[in-house]
Amino acid sequence: MLNDEICKLREELNDSILSGQDYEITYKISVQLDQLIAEYYKTELDLSKTKRLKNRRKKKEESTK
């Protein structure tokens, strides 16, 4: 879902640049895109951390059997 929003905004930013829209509009889109990308990476890092913790617990459980 976030990825879809990022793709949509990226396309909107490209169109804004290519069509020569006002700098303020292009800048606003760029900032929105940056925020979405940061949110995406934060989510990905959180998921990765959760997976690592689960794997550690699983390995620990298996080693105590």
C-alpha atoms as a PDB file:
ATOM      1  CA  MET A   1       0.000   0.000   0.000  1.00  0.00           C
ATOM      2  CA  LEU A   2       2.747   2.462   0.938  1.00  0.00           C
ATOM      3  CA  ASN A   3       4.661   1.337  -2.107  1.00  0.00           C
ATOM      4  CA  ASP A   4       1.677   2.194  -4.316  1.00  0.00           C
ATOM      5  CA  GLU A   5       1.450   5.664  -2.788  1.00  0.00           C
ATOM      6  CA  ILE A   6       5.187   6.169  -3.330  1.00  0.00           C
ATOM      7  CA  CYS A   7       4.905   5.158  -6.983  1.00  0.00           C
ATOM      8  CA  LYS A   8       1.930   7.478  -7.495  1.00  0.00           C
ATOM      9  CA  LEU A   9       3.724  10.448  -5.917  1.00  0.00           C
ATOM     10  CA  ARG A  10       6.928   9.696  -7.816  1.00  0.00           C
ATOM     11  CA  GLU A  11       4.972   9.802 -11.065  1.00  0.00           C
ATOM     12  CA  GLU A  12       3.274  13.025  -9.974  1.00  0.00           C
ATOM     13  CA  LEU A  13       6.677  14.549  -9.152  1.00  0.00           C
ATOM     14  CA  ASN A  14       8.116  13.525 -12.514  1.00  0.00           C
ATOM     15  CA  ASP A  15       5.115  15.018 -14.320  1.00  0.00           C
ATOM     16  CA  SER A  16       5.463  18.214 -12.309  1.00  0.00           C
ATOM     17  CA  ILE A  17       9.125  18.530 -13.270  1.00  0.00           C
ATOM     18  CA  LEU A  18       8.589  17.681 -16.937  1.00  0.00           C
ATOM     19  CA  SER A  19       5.649  20.041 -17.336  1.00  0.00           C
ATOM     20  CA  GLY A  20       7.536  22.889 -15.673  1.00  0.00           C
ATOM     21  CA  GLN A  21       5.026  23.443 -12.890  1.00  0.00           C
ATOM     22  CA  ASP A  22       5.677  26.122 -10.313  1.00  0.00           C
ATOM     23  CA  TYR A  23       8.618  25.333  -8.033  1.00  0.00           C
ATOM     24  CA  GLU A  24       6.428  25.481  -4.904  1.00  0.00           C
ATOM     25  CA  ILE A  25       4.191  22.690  -6.215  1.00  0.00           C
ATOM     26  CA  THR A  26       7.155  20.521  -7.243  1.00  0.00           C
ATOM     27  CA  TYR A  27       8.814  21.110  -3.876  1.00  0.00           C
ATOM     28  CA  LYS A  28       5.634  20.202  -1.965  1.00  0.00           C
ATOM     29  CA  ILE A  29       5.301  16.927  -3.889  1.00  0.00           C
ATOM     30  CA  SER A  30       8.983  16.176  -3.306  1.00  0.00           C
ATOM     31  CA  VAL A  31       8.634  16.681   0.456  1.00  0.00           C
ATOM     32  CA  GLN A  32       5.554  14.440   0.551  1.00  0.00           C
ATOM     33  CA  LEU A  33       7.449  11.768  -1.359  1.00  0.00           C
ATOM     34  CA  ASP A  34      10.403  12.002   1.030  1.00  0.00           C
ATOM     35  CA  GLN A  35       8.076  11.547   3.995  1.00  0.00           C
ATOM     36  CA  LEU A  36       6.444   8.480   2.463  1.00  0.00           C
ATOM     37  CA  ILE A  37       9.818   6.940   1.650  1.00  0.00           C
ATOM     38  CA  ALA A  38      11.001   7.530   5.225  1.00  0.00           C
ATOM     39  CA  GLU A  39       7.813   5.919   6.542  1.00  0.00           C
ATOM     40  CA  TYR A  40       8.311   2.957   4.204  1.00  0.00           C
ATOM     41  CA  TYR A  41      11.871   2.349   5.414  1.00  0.00           C
ATOM     42  CA  LYS A  42      10.855   2.734   9.052  1.00  0.00           C
ATOM     43  CA  THR A  43       8.150   0.115   8.537  1.00  0.00           C
ATOM     44  CA  GLU A  44      10.587  -2.203   6.770  1.00  0.00           C
ATOM     45  CA  LEU A  45      13.169  -1.831   9.547  1.00  0.00           C
ATOM     46  CA  ASP A  46      10.543  -2.516  12.205  1.00  0.00           C
ATOM     47  CA  LEU A  47       9.410  -5.658  10.367  1.00  0.00           C
ATOM     48  CA  SER A  48      12.987  -6.818   9.963  1.00  0.00           C
ATOM     49  CA  LYS A  49      13.693  -6.295  13.655  1.00  0.00           C
ATOM     50  CA  THR A  50      10.551  -8.219  14.622  1.00  0.00           C
ATOM     51  CA  LYS A  51      11.534 -11.133  12.367  1.00  0.00           C
ATOM     52  CA  ARG A  52      15.036 -11.254  13.840  1.00  0.00           C
ATOM     53  CA  LEU A  53      13.648 -11.331  17.376  1.00  0.00           C
ATOM     54  CA  LYS A  54      11.257 -14.152  16.486  1.00  0.00           C
ATOM     55  CA  ASN A  55      14.076 -16.138  14.892  1.00  0.00           C
ATOM     56  CA  ARG A  56      16.282 -15.681  17.965  1.00  0.00           C
ATOM     57  CA  ARG A  57      13.492 -16.881  20.253  1.00  0.00           C
ATOM     58  CA  LYS A  58      12.845 -19.864  18.022  1.00  0.00           C
ATOM     59  CA  LYS A  59      16.546 -20.819  17.956  1.00  0.00           C
ATOM     60  CA  LYS A  60      16.770 -20.405  21.698  1.00  0.00           C
ATOM     61  CA  GLU A  61      13.735 -22.644  22.221  1.00  0.00           C
ATOM     62  CA  GLU A  62      15.176 -25.256  19.893  1.00  0.00           C
ATOM     63  CA  SER A  63      18.537 -25.262  21.641  1.00  0.00           C
ATOM     64  CA  THR A  64      16.940 -25.842  25.065  1.00  0.00           C
ATOM     65  CA  LYS A  65      15.107 -28.985  23.913  1.00  0.00           C
END
